[in-house]
mmCIF file of all heavy atoms, coordinates in Angstrom:
data_MODEL
# 
_entry.id   MODEL 
# 
loop_
_atom_site.group_PDB 
_atom_site.id 
_atom_site.type_symbol 
_atom_site.label_atom_id 
_atom_site.label_alt_id 
_atom_site.label_comp_id 
_atom_site.label_asym_id 
_atom_site.label_entity_id 
_atom_site.label_seq_id 
_atom_site.pdbx_PDB_ins_code 
_atom_site.Cartn_x 
_atom_site.Cartn_y 
_atom_site.Cartn_z 
_atom_site.occupancy 
_atom_site.B_iso_or_equiv 
_atom_site.pdbx_formal_charge 
_atom_site.auth_seq_id 
_atom_site.auth_comp_id 
_atom_site.auth_asym_id 
_atom_site.auth_atom_id 
_atom_site.pdbx_PDB_model_num 
ATOM 1   N N   . GLU A 1 1  ? 61.734 50.027 -87.797  1.00 0.00 ? 1  GLU A N   1 
ATOM 2   C CA  . GLU A 1 1  ? 61.087 49.839 -89.216  1.00 0.00 ? 1  GLU A CA  1 
ATOM 3   C C   . GLU A 1 1  ? 59.723 50.331 -89.175  1.00 0.00 ? 1  GLU A C   1 
ATOM 4   O O   . GLU A 1 1  ? 59.189 50.909 -90.156  1.00 0.00 ? 1  GLU A O   1 
ATOM 5   C CB  . GLU A 1 1  ? 61.203 48.391 -89.555  1.00 0.00 ? 1  GLU A CB  1 
ATOM 6   C CG  . GLU A 1 1  ? 62.570 47.959 -89.955  1.00 0.00 ? 1  GLU A CG  1 
ATOM 7   C CD  . GLU A 1 1  ? 62.757 46.415 -90.059  1.00 0.00 ? 1  GLU A CD  1 
ATOM 8   O OE1 . GLU A 1 1  ? 62.111 45.698 -89.234  1.00 0.00 ? 1  GLU A OE1 1 
ATOM 9   O OE2 . GLU A 1 1  ? 63.513 45.941 -90.932  1.00 0.00 ? 1  GLU A OE2 1 
ATOM 10  N N   . ASN A 1 2  ? 59.004 50.091 -87.980  1.00 0.00 ? 2  ASN A N   1 
ATOM 11  C CA  . ASN A 1 2  ? 57.627 50.673 -87.841  1.00 0.00 ? 2  ASN A CA  1 
ATOM 12  C C   . ASN A 1 2  ? 57.534 52.180 -87.716  1.00 0.00 ? 2  ASN A C   1 
ATOM 13  O O   . ASN A 1 2  ? 56.762 52.797 -88.455  1.00 0.00 ? 2  ASN A O   1 
ATOM 14  C CB  . ASN A 1 2  ? 56.926 50.027 -86.618  1.00 0.00 ? 2  ASN A CB  1 
ATOM 15  C CG  . ASN A 1 2  ? 56.294 48.683 -86.964  1.00 0.00 ? 2  ASN A CG  1 
ATOM 16  O OD1 . ASN A 1 2  ? 55.144 48.655 -87.488  1.00 0.00 ? 2  ASN A OD1 1 
ATOM 17  N ND2 . ASN A 1 2  ? 56.974 47.579 -86.726  1.00 0.00 ? 2  ASN A ND2 1 
ATOM 18  N N   . VAL A 1 3  ? 58.440 52.749 -86.918  1.00 0.00 ? 3  VAL A N   1 
ATOM 19  C CA  . VAL A 1 3  ? 58.454 54.163 -86.700  1.00 0.00 ? 3  VAL A CA  1 
ATOM 20  C C   . VAL A 1 3  ? 58.706 54.995 -87.913  1.00 0.00 ? 3  VAL A C   1 
ATOM 21  O O   . VAL A 1 3  ? 58.076 55.979 -88.220  1.00 0.00 ? 3  VAL A O   1 
ATOM 22  C CB  . VAL A 1 3  ? 59.409 54.560 -85.545  1.00 0.00 ? 3  VAL A CB  1 
ATOM 23  C CG1 . VAL A 1 3  ? 59.651 56.077 -85.522  1.00 0.00 ? 3  VAL A CG1 1 
ATOM 24  C CG2 . VAL A 1 3  ? 58.960 54.012 -84.205  1.00 0.00 ? 3  VAL A CG2 1 
ATOM 25  N N   . PHE A 1 4  ? 59.663 54.409 -88.773  1.00 0.00 ? 4  PHE A N   1 
ATOM 26  C CA  . PHE A 1 4  ? 60.082 55.189 -90.018  1.00 0.00 ? 4  PHE A CA  1 
ATOM 27  C C   . PHE A 1 4  ? 59.503 54.451 -91.228  1.00 0.00 ? 4  PHE A C   1 
ATOM 28  O O   . PHE A 1 4  ? 60.070 54.722 -92.370  1.00 0.00 ? 4  PHE A O   1 
ATOM 29  C CB  . PHE A 1 4  ? 61.579 55.212 -90.077  1.00 0.00 ? 4  PHE A CB  1 
ATOM 30  C CG  . PHE A 1 4  ? 62.165 56.307 -89.196  1.00 0.00 ? 4  PHE A CG  1 
ATOM 31  C CD1 . PHE A 1 4  ? 62.437 55.996 -87.806  1.00 0.00 ? 4  PHE A CD1 1 
ATOM 32  C CD2 . PHE A 1 4  ? 62.237 57.668 -89.611  1.00 0.00 ? 4  PHE A CD2 1 
ATOM 33  C CE1 . PHE A 1 4  ? 62.885 56.988 -86.983  1.00 0.00 ? 4  PHE A CE1 1 
ATOM 34  C CE2 . PHE A 1 4  ? 62.648 58.667 -88.794  1.00 0.00 ? 4  PHE A CE2 1 
ATOM 35  C CZ  . PHE A 1 4  ? 63.074 58.332 -87.412  1.00 0.00 ? 4  PHE A CZ  1 
ATOM 36  N N   . ALA A 1 5  ? 58.312 53.655 -91.122  1.00 0.00 ? 5  ALA A N   1 
ATOM 37  C CA  . ALA A 1 5  ? 57.797 53.000 -92.321  1.00 0.00 ? 5  ALA A CA  1 
ATOM 38  C C   . ALA A 1 5  ? 57.477 54.105 -93.330  1.00 0.00 ? 5  ALA A C   1 
ATOM 39  O O   . ALA A 1 5  ? 56.857 55.100 -93.021  1.00 0.00 ? 5  ALA A O   1 
ATOM 40  C CB  . ALA A 1 5  ? 56.563 52.286 -91.844  1.00 0.00 ? 5  ALA A CB  1 
ATOM 41  N N   . GLY A 1 6  ? 57.840 53.873 -94.612  1.00 0.00 ? 6  GLY A N   1 
ATOM 42  C CA  . GLY A 1 6  ? 57.560 54.799 -95.693  1.00 0.00 ? 6  GLY A CA  1 
ATOM 43  C C   . GLY A 1 6  ? 58.624 55.998 -95.783  1.00 0.00 ? 6  GLY A C   1 
ATOM 44  O O   . GLY A 1 6  ? 58.475 56.770 -96.651  1.00 0.00 ? 6  GLY A O   1 
ATOM 45  N N   . ALA A 1 7  ? 59.523 56.025 -94.791  1.00 0.00 ? 7  ALA A N   1 
ATOM 46  C CA  . ALA A 1 7  ? 60.464 57.116 -94.803  1.00 0.00 ? 7  ALA A CA  1 
ATOM 47  C C   . ALA A 1 7  ? 61.837 56.599 -94.294  1.00 0.00 ? 7  ALA A C   1 
ATOM 48  O O   . ALA A 1 7  ? 62.520 57.257 -93.503  1.00 0.00 ? 7  ALA A O   1 
ATOM 49  C CB  . ALA A 1 7  ? 60.054 58.277 -93.947  1.00 0.00 ? 7  ALA A CB  1 
ATOM 50  N N   . LEU A 1 8  ? 62.192 55.354 -94.605  1.00 0.00 ? 8  LEU A N   1 
ATOM 51  C CA  . LEU A 1 8  ? 63.540 54.807 -94.230  1.00 0.00 ? 8  LEU A CA  1 
ATOM 52  C C   . LEU A 1 8  ? 64.677 55.544 -94.714  1.00 0.00 ? 8  LEU A C   1 
ATOM 53  O O   . LEU A 1 8  ? 64.732 55.863 -95.960  1.00 0.00 ? 8  LEU A O   1 
ATOM 54  C CB  . LEU A 1 8  ? 63.515 53.366 -94.643  1.00 0.00 ? 8  LEU A CB  1 
ATOM 55  C CG  . LEU A 1 8  ? 62.508 52.369 -94.055  1.00 0.00 ? 8  LEU A CG  1 
ATOM 56  C CD1 . LEU A 1 8  ? 62.593 50.979 -94.704  1.00 0.00 ? 8  LEU A CD1 1 
ATOM 57  C CD2 . LEU A 1 8  ? 62.696 52.214 -92.543  1.00 0.00 ? 8  LEU A CD2 1 
ATOM 58  N N   . PRO A 1 9  ? 65.616 55.965 -93.882  1.00 0.00 ? 9  PRO A N   1 
ATOM 59  C CA  . PRO A 1 9  ? 66.848 56.625 -94.392  1.00 0.00 ? 9  PRO A CA  1 
ATOM 60  C C   . PRO A 1 9  ? 67.640 55.735 -95.264  1.00 0.00 ? 9  PRO A C   1 
ATOM 61  O O   . PRO A 1 9  ? 67.848 54.587 -94.865  1.00 0.00 ? 9  PRO A O   1 
ATOM 62  C CB  . PRO A 1 9  ? 67.568 57.105 -93.093  1.00 0.00 ? 9  PRO A CB  1 
ATOM 63  C CG  . PRO A 1 9  ? 67.060 56.101 -92.031  1.00 0.00 ? 9  PRO A CG  1 
ATOM 64  C CD  . PRO A 1 9  ? 65.673 55.745 -92.394  1.00 0.00 ? 9  PRO A CD  1 
ATOM 65  N N   . LYS A 1 10 ? 68.124 56.242 -96.372  1.00 0.00 ? 10 LYS A N   1 
ATOM 66  C CA  . LYS A 1 10 ? 68.867 55.314 -97.318  1.00 0.00 ? 10 LYS A CA  1 
ATOM 67  C C   . LYS A 1 10 ? 70.193 55.930 -97.744  1.00 0.00 ? 10 LYS A C   1 
ATOM 68  O O   . LYS A 1 10 ? 70.308 57.201 -97.828  1.00 0.00 ? 10 LYS A O   1 
ATOM 69  C CB  . LYS A 1 10 ? 68.022 55.070 -98.502  1.00 0.00 ? 10 LYS A CB  1 
ATOM 70  C CG  . LYS A 1 10 ? 66.811 54.154 -98.230  1.00 0.00 ? 10 LYS A CG  1 
ATOM 71  C CD  . LYS A 1 10 ? 65.959 53.934 -99.476  1.00 0.00 ? 10 LYS A CD  1 
ATOM 72  C CE  . LYS A 1 10 ? 64.805 53.025 -99.058  1.00 0.00 ? 10 LYS A CE  1 
ATOM 73  N NZ  . LYS A 1 10 ? 63.856 52.791 -100.251 1.00 0.00 ? 10 LYS A NZ  1 
ATOM 74  N N   . ASN A 1 11 ? 71.136 55.024 -98.064  1.00 0.00 ? 11 ASN A N   1 
ATOM 75  C CA  . ASN A 1 11 ? 72.320 55.388 -98.815  1.00 0.00 ? 11 ASN A CA  1 
ATOM 76  C C   . ASN A 1 11 ? 72.085 54.843 -100.213 1.00 0.00 ? 11 ASN A C   1 
ATOM 77  O O   . ASN A 1 11 ? 72.275 53.622 -100.409 1.00 0.00 ? 11 ASN A O   1 
ATOM 78  C CB  . ASN A 1 11 ? 73.587 54.822 -98.154  1.00 0.00 ? 11 ASN A CB  1 
ATOM 79  C CG  . ASN A 1 11 ? 73.906 55.435 -96.883  1.00 0.00 ? 11 ASN A CG  1 
ATOM 80  O OD1 . ASN A 1 11 ? 73.672 56.656 -96.677  1.00 0.00 ? 11 ASN A OD1 1 
ATOM 81  N ND2 . ASN A 1 11 ? 74.544 54.768 -95.946  1.00 0.00 ? 11 ASN A ND2 1 
ATOM 82  N N   . GLY A 1 12 ? 71.712 55.664 -101.163 1.00 0.00 ? 12 GLY A N   1 
ATOM 83  C CA  . GLY A 1 12 ? 71.359 55.143 -102.515 1.00 0.00 ? 12 GLY A CA  1 
ATOM 84  C C   . GLY A 1 12 ? 70.181 54.308 -102.379 1.00 0.00 ? 12 GLY A C   1 
ATOM 85  O O   . GLY A 1 12 ? 69.064 54.805 -102.001 1.00 0.00 ? 12 GLY A O   1 
ATOM 86  N N   . PHE A 1 13 ? 70.306 53.034 -102.748 1.00 0.00 ? 13 PHE A N   1 
ATOM 87  C CA  . PHE A 1 13 ? 69.115 52.080 -102.682 1.00 0.00 ? 13 PHE A CA  1 
ATOM 88  C C   . PHE A 1 13 ? 69.111 51.256 -101.394 1.00 0.00 ? 13 PHE A C   1 
ATOM 89  O O   . PHE A 1 13 ? 68.224 50.453 -101.149 1.00 0.00 ? 13 PHE A O   1 
ATOM 90  C CB  . PHE A 1 13 ? 69.106 51.259 -103.890 1.00 0.00 ? 13 PHE A CB  1 
ATOM 91  C CG  . PHE A 1 13 ? 68.820 51.875 -105.149 1.00 0.00 ? 13 PHE A CG  1 
ATOM 92  C CD1 . PHE A 1 13 ? 69.933 52.089 -106.082 1.00 0.00 ? 13 PHE A CD1 1 
ATOM 93  C CD2 . PHE A 1 13 ? 67.638 52.432 -105.508 1.00 0.00 ? 13 PHE A CD2 1 
ATOM 94  C CE1 . PHE A 1 13 ? 69.733 52.727 -107.245 1.00 0.00 ? 13 PHE A CE1 1 
ATOM 95  C CE2 . PHE A 1 13 ? 67.442 53.118 -106.642 1.00 0.00 ? 13 PHE A CE2 1 
ATOM 96  C CZ  . PHE A 1 13 ? 68.511 53.289 -107.573 1.00 0.00 ? 13 PHE A CZ  1 
ATOM 97  N N   . VAL A 1 14 ? 70.156 51.451 -100.504 1.00 0.00 ? 14 VAL A N   1 
ATOM 98  C CA  . VAL A 1 14 ? 70.239 50.594 -99.349  1.00 0.00 ? 14 VAL A CA  1 
ATOM 99  C C   . VAL A 1 14 ? 69.873 51.349 -98.054  1.00 0.00 ? 14 VAL A C   1 
ATOM 100 O O   . VAL A 1 14 ? 70.237 52.502 -97.914  1.00 0.00 ? 14 VAL A O   1 
ATOM 101 C CB  . VAL A 1 14 ? 71.788 50.112 -99.211  1.00 0.00 ? 14 VAL A CB  1 
ATOM 102 C CG1 . VAL A 1 14 ? 71.930 49.208 -97.960  1.00 0.00 ? 14 VAL A CG1 1 
ATOM 103 C CG2 . VAL A 1 14 ? 72.163 49.343 -100.481 1.00 0.00 ? 14 VAL A CG2 1 
ATOM 104 N N   . VAL A 1 15 ? 69.077 50.678 -97.203  1.00 0.00 ? 15 VAL A N   1 
ATOM 105 C CA  . VAL A 1 15 ? 68.661 51.318 -95.958  1.00 0.00 ? 15 VAL A CA  1 
ATOM 106 C C   . VAL A 1 15 ? 69.832 51.601 -95.104  1.00 0.00 ? 15 VAL A C   1 
ATOM 107 O O   . VAL A 1 15 ? 70.711 50.740 -94.844  1.00 0.00 ? 15 VAL A O   1 
ATOM 108 C CB  . VAL A 1 15 ? 67.633 50.451 -95.216  1.00 0.00 ? 15 VAL A CB  1 
ATOM 109 C CG1 . VAL A 1 15 ? 67.297 50.977 -93.863  1.00 0.00 ? 15 VAL A CG1 1 
ATOM 110 C CG2 . VAL A 1 15 ? 66.333 50.304 -96.016  1.00 0.00 ? 15 VAL A CG2 1 
ATOM 111 N N   . ASN A 1 16 ? 69.949 52.856 -94.607  1.00 0.00 ? 16 ASN A N   1 
ATOM 112 C CA  . ASN A 1 16 ? 71.077 53.229 -93.704  1.00 0.00 ? 16 ASN A CA  1 
ATOM 113 C C   . ASN A 1 16 ? 70.605 52.792 -92.261  1.00 0.00 ? 16 ASN A C   1 
ATOM 114 O O   . ASN A 1 16 ? 70.009 53.601 -91.510  1.00 0.00 ? 16 ASN A O   1 
ATOM 115 C CB  . ASN A 1 16 ? 71.314 54.721 -93.746  1.00 0.00 ? 16 ASN A CB  1 
ATOM 116 C CG  . ASN A 1 16 ? 72.485 55.236 -92.912  1.00 0.00 ? 16 ASN A CG  1 
ATOM 117 O OD1 . ASN A 1 16 ? 72.833 54.529 -92.003  1.00 0.00 ? 16 ASN A OD1 1 
ATOM 118 N ND2 . ASN A 1 16 ? 73.054 56.334 -93.312  1.00 0.00 ? 16 ASN A ND2 1 
ATOM 119 N N   . LYS A 1 17 ? 71.002 51.635 -91.906  1.00 0.00 ? 17 LYS A N   1 
ATOM 120 C CA  . LYS A 1 17 ? 70.630 51.042 -90.598  1.00 0.00 ? 17 LYS A CA  1 
ATOM 121 C C   . LYS A 1 17 ? 71.078 51.866 -89.442  1.00 0.00 ? 17 LYS A C   1 
ATOM 122 O O   . LYS A 1 17 ? 70.364 51.966 -88.365  1.00 0.00 ? 17 LYS A O   1 
ATOM 123 C CB  . LYS A 1 17 ? 71.010 49.561 -90.510  1.00 0.00 ? 17 LYS A CB  1 
ATOM 124 C CG  . LYS A 1 17 ? 70.101 48.721 -91.314  1.00 0.00 ? 17 LYS A CG  1 
ATOM 125 C CD  . LYS A 1 17 ? 69.978 47.349 -90.755  1.00 0.00 ? 17 LYS A CD  1 
ATOM 126 C CE  . LYS A 1 17 ? 68.897 46.539 -91.449  1.00 0.00 ? 17 LYS A CE  1 
ATOM 127 N NZ  . LYS A 1 17 ? 68.815 45.149 -91.000  1.00 0.00 ? 17 LYS A NZ  1 
ATOM 128 N N   . SER A 1 18 ? 72.296 52.258 -89.455  1.00 0.00 ? 18 SER A N   1 
ATOM 129 C CA  . SER A 1 18 ? 72.903 53.058 -88.311  1.00 0.00 ? 18 SER A CA  1 
ATOM 130 C C   . SER A 1 18 ? 72.105 54.359 -88.048  1.00 0.00 ? 18 SER A C   1 
ATOM 131 O O   . SER A 1 18 ? 71.835 54.723 -86.903  1.00 0.00 ? 18 SER A O   1 
ATOM 132 C CB  . SER A 1 18 ? 74.383 53.275 -88.482  1.00 0.00 ? 18 SER A CB  1 
ATOM 133 O OG  . SER A 1 18 ? 74.606 54.003 -89.638  1.00 0.00 ? 18 SER A OG  1 
ATOM 134 N N   . LYS A 1 19 ? 71.813 55.012 -89.074  1.00 0.00 ? 19 LYS A N   1 
ATOM 135 C CA  . LYS A 1 19 ? 71.002 56.291 -89.011  1.00 0.00 ? 19 LYS A CA  1 
ATOM 136 C C   . LYS A 1 19 ? 69.573 55.958 -88.497  1.00 0.00 ? 19 LYS A C   1 
ATOM 137 O O   . LYS A 1 19 ? 69.022 56.651 -87.640  1.00 0.00 ? 19 LYS A O   1 
ATOM 138 C CB  . LYS A 1 19 ? 71.002 57.059 -90.281  1.00 0.00 ? 19 LYS A CB  1 
ATOM 139 C CG  . LYS A 1 19 ? 70.181 58.341 -90.214  1.00 0.00 ? 19 LYS A CG  1 
ATOM 140 C CD  . LYS A 1 19 ? 70.321 59.216 -91.404  1.00 0.00 ? 19 LYS A CD  1 
ATOM 141 C CE  . LYS A 1 19 ? 69.347 60.403 -91.551  1.00 0.00 ? 19 LYS A CE  1 
ATOM 142 N NZ  . LYS A 1 19 ? 69.245 61.068 -90.237  1.00 0.00 ? 19 LYS A NZ  1 
ATOM 143 N N   . LEU A 1 20 ? 68.971 54.890 -89.076  1.00 0.00 ? 20 LEU A N   1 
ATOM 144 C CA  . LEU A 1 20 ? 67.682 54.460 -88.678  1.00 0.00 ? 20 LEU A CA  1 
ATOM 145 C C   . LEU A 1 20 ? 67.645 54.168 -87.225  1.00 0.00 ? 20 LEU A C   1 
ATOM 146 O O   . LEU A 1 20 ? 66.702 54.655 -86.446  1.00 0.00 ? 20 LEU A O   1 
ATOM 147 C CB  . LEU A 1 20 ? 67.195 53.213 -89.528  1.00 0.00 ? 20 LEU A CB  1 
ATOM 148 C CG  . LEU A 1 20 ? 65.891 52.590 -89.167  1.00 0.00 ? 20 LEU A CG  1 
ATOM 149 C CD1 . LEU A 1 20 ? 64.720 53.569 -89.438  1.00 0.00 ? 20 LEU A CD1 1 
ATOM 150 C CD2 . LEU A 1 20 ? 65.673 51.372 -90.026  1.00 0.00 ? 20 LEU A CD2 1 
ATOM 151 N N   . LYS A 1 21 ? 68.636 53.465 -86.730  1.00 0.00 ? 21 LYS A N   1 
ATOM 152 C CA  . LYS A 1 21 ? 68.687 53.108 -85.305  1.00 0.00 ? 21 LYS A CA  1 
ATOM 153 C C   . LYS A 1 21 ? 68.876 54.313 -84.469  1.00 0.00 ? 21 LYS A C   1 
ATOM 154 O O   . LYS A 1 21 ? 68.164 54.465 -83.450  1.00 0.00 ? 21 LYS A O   1 
ATOM 155 C CB  . LYS A 1 21 ? 69.816 52.089 -85.134  1.00 0.00 ? 21 LYS A CB  1 
ATOM 156 C CG  . LYS A 1 21 ? 69.907 51.498 -83.746  1.00 0.00 ? 21 LYS A CG  1 
ATOM 157 C CD  . LYS A 1 21 ? 71.051 50.406 -83.691  1.00 0.00 ? 21 LYS A CD  1 
ATOM 158 C CE  . LYS A 1 21 ? 71.230 49.924 -82.269  1.00 0.00 ? 21 LYS A CE  1 
ATOM 159 N NZ  . LYS A 1 21 ? 72.294 48.953 -82.216  1.00 0.00 ? 21 LYS A NZ  1 
ATOM 160 N N   . ALA A 1 22 ? 69.782 55.216 -84.919  1.00 0.00 ? 22 ALA A N   1 
ATOM 161 C CA  . ALA A 1 22 ? 70.100 56.402 -84.076  1.00 0.00 ? 22 ALA A CA  1 
ATOM 162 C C   . ALA A 1 22 ? 68.887 57.359 -84.025  1.00 0.00 ? 22 ALA A C   1 
ATOM 163 O O   . ALA A 1 22 ? 68.553 57.888 -82.967  1.00 0.00 ? 22 ALA A O   1 
ATOM 164 C CB  . ALA A 1 22 ? 71.274 57.171 -84.707  1.00 0.00 ? 22 ALA A CB  1 
ATOM 165 N N   . ASP A 1 23 ? 68.178 57.570 -85.158  1.00 0.00 ? 23 ASP A N   1 
ATOM 166 C CA  . ASP A 1 23 ? 67.005 58.405 -85.170  1.00 0.00 ? 23 ASP A CA  1 
ATOM 167 C C   . ASP A 1 23 ? 65.895 57.820 -84.304  1.00 0.00 ? 23 ASP A C   1 
ATOM 168 O O   . ASP A 1 23 ? 65.204 58.632 -83.591  1.00 0.00 ? 23 ASP A O   1 
ATOM 169 C CB  . ASP A 1 23 ? 66.500 58.557 -86.683  1.00 0.00 ? 23 ASP A CB  1 
ATOM 170 C CG  . ASP A 1 23 ? 67.429 59.459 -87.449  1.00 0.00 ? 23 ASP A CG  1 
ATOM 171 O OD1 . ASP A 1 23 ? 68.401 59.974 -86.958  1.00 0.00 ? 23 ASP A OD1 1 
ATOM 172 O OD2 . ASP A 1 23 ? 67.285 59.524 -88.704  1.00 0.00 ? 23 ASP A OD2 1 
ATOM 173 N N   . THR A 1 24 ? 65.702 56.503 -84.374  1.00 0.00 ? 24 THR A N   1 
ATOM 174 C CA  . THR A 1 24 ? 64.682 55.881 -83.507  1.00 0.00 ? 24 THR A CA  1 
ATOM 175 C C   . THR A 1 24 ? 65.024 55.997 -82.030  1.00 0.00 ? 24 THR A C   1 
ATOM 176 O O   . THR A 1 24 ? 64.219 56.248 -81.204  1.00 0.00 ? 24 THR A O   1 
ATOM 177 C CB  . THR A 1 24 ? 64.526 54.418 -83.912  1.00 0.00 ? 24 THR A CB  1 
ATOM 178 O OG1 . THR A 1 24 ? 64.280 54.303 -85.320  1.00 0.00 ? 24 THR A OG1 1 
ATOM 179 C CG2 . THR A 1 24 ? 63.292 53.810 -83.199  1.00 0.00 ? 24 THR A CG2 1 
ATOM 180 N N   . MET A 1 25 ? 66.326 55.817 -81.787  1.00 0.00 ? 25 MET A N   1 
ATOM 181 C CA  . MET A 1 25 ? 66.763 55.912 -80.326  1.00 0.00 ? 25 MET A CA  1 
ATOM 182 C C   . MET A 1 25 ? 66.473 57.278 -79.748  1.00 0.00 ? 25 MET A C   1 
ATOM 183 O O   . MET A 1 25 ? 66.087 57.513 -78.593  1.00 0.00 ? 25 MET A O   1 
ATOM 184 C CB  . MET A 1 25 ? 68.294 55.572 -80.234  1.00 0.00 ? 25 MET A CB  1 
ATOM 185 C CG  . MET A 1 25 ? 68.777 55.101 -78.866  1.00 0.00 ? 25 MET A CG  1 
ATOM 186 S SD  . MET A 1 25 ? 67.955 53.588 -78.365  1.00 0.00 ? 25 MET A SD  1 
ATOM 187 C CE  . MET A 1 25 ? 67.487 54.013 -76.653  1.00 0.00 ? 25 MET A CE  1 
ATOM 188 N N   . ALA A 1 26 ? 66.725 58.302 -80.622  1.00 0.00 ? 26 ALA A N   1 
ATOM 189 C CA  . ALA A 1 26 ? 66.496 59.687 -80.180  1.00 0.00 ? 26 ALA A CA  1 
ATOM 190 C C   . ALA A 1 26 ? 64.976 59.885 -79.774  1.00 0.00 ? 26 ALA A C   1 
ATOM 191 O O   . ALA A 1 26 ? 64.672 60.495 -78.770  1.00 0.00 ? 26 ALA A O   1 
ATOM 192 C CB  . ALA A 1 26 ? 66.855 60.676 -81.326  1.00 0.00 ? 26 ALA A CB  1 
ATOM 193 N N   . LEU A 1 27 ? 64.088 59.239 -80.587  1.00 0.00 ? 27 LEU A N   1 
ATOM 194 C CA  . LEU A 1 27 ? 62.680 59.353 -80.251  1.00 0.00 ? 27 LEU A CA  1 
ATOM 195 C C   . LEU A 1 27 ? 62.351 58.603 -79.003  1.00 0.00 ? 27 LEU A C   1 
ATOM 196 O O   . LEU A 1 27 ? 61.578 59.000 -78.181  1.00 0.00 ? 27 LEU A O   1 
ATOM 197 C CB  . LEU A 1 27 ? 61.855 58.786 -81.452  1.00 0.00 ? 27 LEU A CB  1 
ATOM 198 C CG  . LEU A 1 27 ? 61.541 59.723 -82.597  1.00 0.00 ? 27 LEU A CG  1 
ATOM 199 C CD1 . LEU A 1 27 ? 60.922 58.984 -83.711  1.00 0.00 ? 27 LEU A CD1 1 
ATOM 200 C CD2 . LEU A 1 27 ? 60.642 60.818 -82.158  1.00 0.00 ? 27 LEU A CD2 1 
ATOM 201 N N   . ILE A 1 28 ? 62.897 57.350 -78.871  1.00 0.00 ? 28 ILE A N   1 
ATOM 202 C CA  . ILE A 1 28 ? 62.638 56.535 -77.724  1.00 0.00 ? 28 ILE A CA  1 
ATOM 203 C C   . ILE A 1 28 ? 63.084 57.252 -76.441  1.00 0.00 ? 28 ILE A C   1 
ATOM 204 O O   . ILE A 1 28 ? 62.354 57.204 -75.417  1.00 0.00 ? 28 ILE A O   1 
ATOM 205 C CB  . ILE A 1 28 ? 63.447 55.175 -77.852  1.00 0.00 ? 28 ILE A CB  1 
ATOM 206 C CG1 . ILE A 1 28 ? 62.770 54.300 -78.901  1.00 0.00 ? 28 ILE A CG1 1 
ATOM 207 C CG2 . ILE A 1 28 ? 63.473 54.427 -76.517  1.00 0.00 ? 28 ILE A CG2 1 
ATOM 208 C CD1 . ILE A 1 28 ? 63.455 53.026 -79.335  1.00 0.00 ? 28 ILE A CD1 1 
# 
């Protein structure tokens, strides 16, 4: 949530948690 603050991936109005997790994991 910190890494993607202000640019959270979404499906419509809902945060796409699996994409958020995968994108962060790639950076980690």
